[in-house]
């Protein structure tokens, strides 16, 4: 499978949330994997801020390892039963 260019993916609120739910992680757990704060993940998911810099690259690496489809197709909305 070809590697995606991390910078080419627009990590918006819904895509960050979909990745986290795909992995069945809490915001705190995803933040720990990214080396950032839970509040930062929350701000990404509410659209207050967007991931940038190294966070974009790390999100891409995590997404690929989790076999999460992103980039060319939109992620499907996850059910409400997932961790918030």
N, C-alpha and C. Protein backbone atom coordinates (compact mmCIF):
# COMPACT_ATOMS: atom_id res chain seq x y z
N UNK A 1 0.86 -1.18 0.00
CA UNK A 1 0.00 0.00 0.00
C UNK A 1 0.90 1.24 0.00
N UNK A 2 0.67 2.18 -0.90
CA UNK A 2 1.50 3.39 -0.93
C UNK A 2 1.27 4.26 0.29
N UNK A 3 2.33 4.89 0.72
CA UNK A 3 2.23 5.78 1.88
C UNK A 3 1.61 7.10 1.44
N UNK A 4 0.77 7.63 2.29
CA UNK A 4 0.14 8.92 2.01
C UNK A 4 1.08 10.03 2.48
N UNK A 5 0.96 11.17 1.87
CA UNK A 5 1.70 12.34 2.32
C UNK A 5 0.96 12.94 3.50
N UNK A 6 1.56 12.94 4.67
CA UNK A 6 0.89 13.41 5.88
C UNK A 6 0.37 14.84 5.73
N UNK A 7 1.15 15.69 5.09
CA UNK A 7 0.75 17.09 4.97
C UNK A 7 -0.44 17.27 4.04
N UNK A 8 -0.70 16.30 3.14
CA UNK A 8 -1.78 16.44 2.17
C UNK A 8 -3.15 16.21 2.79
N UNK A 9 -3.20 15.57 3.94
CA UNK A 9 -4.48 15.27 4.59
C UNK A 9 -4.92 16.46 5.42
N UNK A 10 -6.15 16.88 5.22
CA UNK A 10 -6.71 17.96 6.03
C UNK A 10 -7.36 17.38 7.27
N UNK A 11 -6.64 17.35 8.36
CA UNK A 11 -7.16 16.78 9.59
C UNK A 11 -8.13 17.76 10.22
N UNK A 12 -9.41 17.62 9.89
CA UNK A 12 -10.42 18.48 10.48
C UNK A 12 -11.04 17.79 11.69
N UNK A 13 -11.99 18.46 12.33
CA UNK A 13 -12.59 17.96 13.57
C UNK A 13 -13.19 16.57 13.39
N UNK A 14 -13.95 16.36 12.33
CA UNK A 14 -14.63 15.08 12.15
C UNK A 14 -13.64 13.95 11.86
N UNK A 15 -12.55 14.24 11.17
CA UNK A 15 -11.57 13.21 10.86
C UNK A 15 -10.78 12.80 12.09
N UNK A 16 -10.40 13.76 12.93
CA UNK A 16 -9.70 13.44 14.18
C UNK A 16 -10.60 12.59 15.06
N UNK A 17 -11.86 12.99 15.20
CA UNK A 17 -12.81 12.25 16.03
C UNK A 17 -13.04 10.84 15.47
N UNK A 18 -13.18 10.73 14.15
CA UNK A 18 -13.39 9.42 13.53
C UNK A 18 -12.20 8.49 13.76
N UNK A 19 -10.98 9.03 13.66
CA UNK A 19 -9.80 8.22 13.94
C UNK A 19 -9.81 7.73 15.38
N UNK A 20 -10.07 8.63 16.30
CA UNK A 20 -10.07 8.25 17.72
C UNK A 20 -11.13 7.18 17.99
N UNK A 21 -12.30 7.35 17.43
CA UNK A 21 -13.37 6.37 17.64
C UNK A 21 -13.07 5.04 16.95
N UNK A 22 -12.45 5.11 15.78
CA UNK A 22 -12.04 3.90 15.07
C UNK A 22 -11.10 3.07 15.95
N UNK A 23 -10.25 3.76 16.68
CA UNK A 23 -9.29 3.09 17.55
C UNK A 23 -9.88 2.77 18.92
N UNK A 24 -11.13 3.21 19.15
CA UNK A 24 -11.81 3.00 20.43
C UNK A 24 -11.00 3.57 21.60
N UNK A 25 -10.54 4.81 21.42
CA UNK A 25 -9.75 5.49 22.44
C UNK A 25 -10.52 6.68 23.00
N UNK A 26 -10.21 7.04 24.22
CA UNK A 26 -10.71 8.29 24.78
C UNK A 26 -9.82 9.42 24.26
N UNK A 27 -10.25 10.64 24.45
CA UNK A 27 -9.41 11.78 24.08
C UNK A 27 -8.09 11.73 24.83
N UNK A 28 -8.14 11.37 26.09
CA UNK A 28 -6.92 11.29 26.90
C UNK A 28 -5.96 10.23 26.36
N UNK A 29 -6.50 9.09 25.95
CA UNK A 29 -5.65 8.02 25.42
C UNK A 29 -5.01 8.41 24.09
N UNK A 30 -5.77 9.06 23.21
CA UNK A 30 -5.19 9.52 21.94
C UNK A 30 -4.14 10.59 22.21
N UNK A 31 -4.43 11.49 23.12
CA UNK A 31 -3.47 12.54 23.48
C UNK A 31 -2.15 11.93 23.96
N UNK A 32 -2.23 10.88 24.76
CA UNK A 32 -1.02 10.23 25.26
C UNK A 32 -0.20 9.65 24.11
N UNK A 33 -0.87 9.06 23.12
CA UNK A 33 -0.15 8.51 21.97
C UNK A 33 0.51 9.60 21.14
N UNK A 34 -0.10 10.78 21.12
CA UNK A 34 0.43 11.90 20.34
C UNK A 34 1.42 12.75 21.13
N UNK A 35 1.50 12.53 22.44
CA UNK A 35 2.37 13.34 23.27
C UNK A 35 1.84 14.75 23.46
N UNK A 36 0.51 14.88 23.53
CA UNK A 36 -0.11 16.18 23.71
C UNK A 36 -1.14 16.09 24.84
N UNK A 37 -1.86 17.18 25.06
CA UNK A 37 -2.84 17.22 26.14
C UNK A 37 -4.21 16.76 25.65
N UNK A 38 -5.03 16.26 26.56
CA UNK A 38 -6.41 15.89 26.23
C UNK A 38 -7.14 17.11 25.73
N UNK A 39 -6.88 18.27 26.32
CA UNK A 39 -7.54 19.51 25.92
C UNK A 39 -7.25 19.83 24.45
N UNK A 40 -6.05 19.54 24.00
CA UNK A 40 -5.70 19.79 22.60
C UNK A 40 -6.54 18.92 21.68
N UNK A 41 -6.67 17.64 22.00
CA UNK A 41 -7.51 16.74 21.19
C UNK A 41 -8.95 17.24 21.19
N UNK A 42 -9.43 17.68 22.34
CA UNK A 42 -10.79 18.22 22.43
C UNK A 42 -10.95 19.44 21.52
N UNK A 43 -9.97 20.32 21.52
CA UNK A 43 -10.03 21.52 20.68
C UNK A 43 -10.00 21.17 19.20
N UNK A 44 -9.27 20.14 18.83
CA UNK A 44 -9.28 19.68 17.44
C UNK A 44 -10.66 19.15 17.07
N UNK A 45 -11.24 18.36 17.97
CA UNK A 45 -12.52 17.72 17.68
C UNK A 45 -13.69 18.69 17.67
N UNK A 46 -13.57 19.80 18.35
CA UNK A 46 -14.64 20.80 18.33
C UNK A 46 -14.42 21.83 17.22
N UNK A 47 -13.28 21.75 16.55
CA UNK A 47 -12.98 22.67 15.46
C UNK A 47 -12.39 23.99 15.91
N UNK A 48 -12.08 24.11 17.19
CA UNK A 48 -11.47 25.35 17.68
C UNK A 48 -10.10 25.57 17.03
N UNK A 49 -9.34 24.49 16.94
CA UNK A 49 -8.04 24.51 16.28
C UNK A 49 -7.94 23.28 15.39
N UNK A 50 -6.95 23.30 14.49
CA UNK A 50 -6.66 22.15 13.64
C UNK A 50 -5.26 21.66 13.95
N UNK A 51 -5.04 20.36 13.84
CA UNK A 51 -3.68 19.85 14.04
C UNK A 51 -2.73 20.47 13.02
N UNK A 52 -1.49 20.69 13.46
CA UNK A 52 -0.48 21.23 12.55
C UNK A 52 0.88 20.71 12.97
N UNK A 53 1.84 20.92 12.11
CA UNK A 53 3.21 20.52 12.40
C UNK A 53 3.36 19.02 12.63
N UNK A 54 4.11 18.68 13.66
CA UNK A 54 4.40 17.28 13.96
C UNK A 54 3.14 16.49 14.27
N UNK A 55 2.11 17.15 14.80
CA UNK A 55 0.86 16.45 15.12
C UNK A 55 0.22 15.86 13.87
N UNK A 56 0.31 16.56 12.75
CA UNK A 56 -0.24 16.06 11.49
C UNK A 56 0.48 14.78 11.08
N UNK A 57 1.79 14.78 11.19
CA UNK A 57 2.57 13.60 10.84
C UNK A 57 2.25 12.44 11.77
N UNK A 58 2.18 12.71 13.07
CA UNK A 58 1.86 11.66 14.03
C UNK A 58 0.46 11.09 13.81
N UNK A 59 -0.51 11.95 13.52
CA UNK A 59 -1.86 11.46 13.23
C UNK A 59 -1.84 10.53 12.02
N UNK A 60 -1.09 10.88 10.99
CA UNK A 60 -0.99 10.04 9.80
C UNK A 60 -0.37 8.69 10.12
N UNK A 61 0.68 8.69 10.92
CA UNK A 61 1.34 7.44 11.30
C UNK A 61 0.39 6.56 12.10
N UNK A 62 -0.28 7.15 13.08
CA UNK A 62 -1.23 6.41 13.91
C UNK A 62 -2.37 5.87 13.05
N UNK A 63 -2.88 6.69 12.13
CA UNK A 63 -3.98 6.27 11.27
C UNK A 63 -3.57 5.09 10.39
N UNK A 64 -2.38 5.14 9.83
CA UNK A 64 -1.92 4.04 8.98
C UNK A 64 -1.74 2.76 9.78
N UNK A 65 -1.19 2.87 10.96
CA UNK A 65 -1.01 1.68 11.81
C UNK A 65 -2.34 1.07 12.23
N UNK A 66 -3.36 1.93 12.38
CA UNK A 66 -4.69 1.47 12.78
C UNK A 66 -5.53 1.04 11.58
N UNK A 67 -4.93 1.09 10.37
CA UNK A 67 -5.63 0.76 9.13
C UNK A 67 -6.90 1.60 8.98
N UNK A 68 -6.76 2.88 9.29
CA UNK A 68 -7.85 3.84 9.19
C UNK A 68 -7.81 4.50 7.82
N UNK A 69 -8.90 4.43 7.09
CA UNK A 69 -8.98 5.03 5.75
C UNK A 69 -9.18 6.54 5.89
N UNK A 70 -8.30 7.30 5.30
CA UNK A 70 -8.39 8.75 5.35
C UNK A 70 -7.75 9.33 4.11
N UNK A 71 -7.94 10.60 3.89
CA UNK A 71 -7.27 11.27 2.78
C UNK A 71 -8.12 11.36 1.54
N UNK A 72 -8.27 10.25 0.82
CA UNK A 72 -9.01 10.31 -0.44
C UNK A 72 -10.51 10.15 -0.23
N UNK A 73 -10.91 9.49 0.85
CA UNK A 73 -12.33 9.33 1.13
C UNK A 73 -12.61 9.81 2.53
N UNK A 74 -13.80 10.30 2.75
CA UNK A 74 -14.18 10.77 4.08
C UNK A 74 -14.45 9.58 4.98
N UNK A 75 -14.08 9.73 6.23
CA UNK A 75 -14.36 8.69 7.21
C UNK A 75 -15.86 8.64 7.47
N UNK A 76 -16.34 7.42 7.73
CA UNK A 76 -17.75 7.27 8.05
C UNK A 76 -17.98 7.73 9.48
N UNK A 77 -19.11 8.39 9.75
CA UNK A 77 -19.42 8.77 11.14
C UNK A 77 -19.53 7.52 12.00
N UNK A 78 -19.00 7.60 13.18
CA UNK A 78 -19.05 6.47 14.11
C UNK A 78 -20.31 6.52 14.95
N UNK A 79 -20.65 5.39 15.53
CA UNK A 79 -21.85 5.34 16.38
C UNK A 79 -21.61 6.08 17.68
N UNK A 80 -22.67 6.43 18.35
CA UNK A 80 -22.59 7.14 19.63
C UNK A 80 -22.13 6.24 20.76
N UNK A 81 -22.04 4.93 20.52
CA UNK A 81 -21.65 3.99 21.57
C UNK A 81 -20.16 3.99 21.83
N UNK A 82 -19.40 4.66 20.98
CA UNK A 82 -17.94 4.72 21.16
C UNK A 82 -17.60 5.65 22.31
N UNK A 83 -16.35 5.52 22.78
CA UNK A 83 -15.88 6.41 23.85
C UNK A 83 -15.89 7.84 23.35
N UNK A 84 -16.26 8.78 24.19
CA UNK A 84 -16.27 10.21 23.83
C UNK A 84 -15.01 10.87 24.26
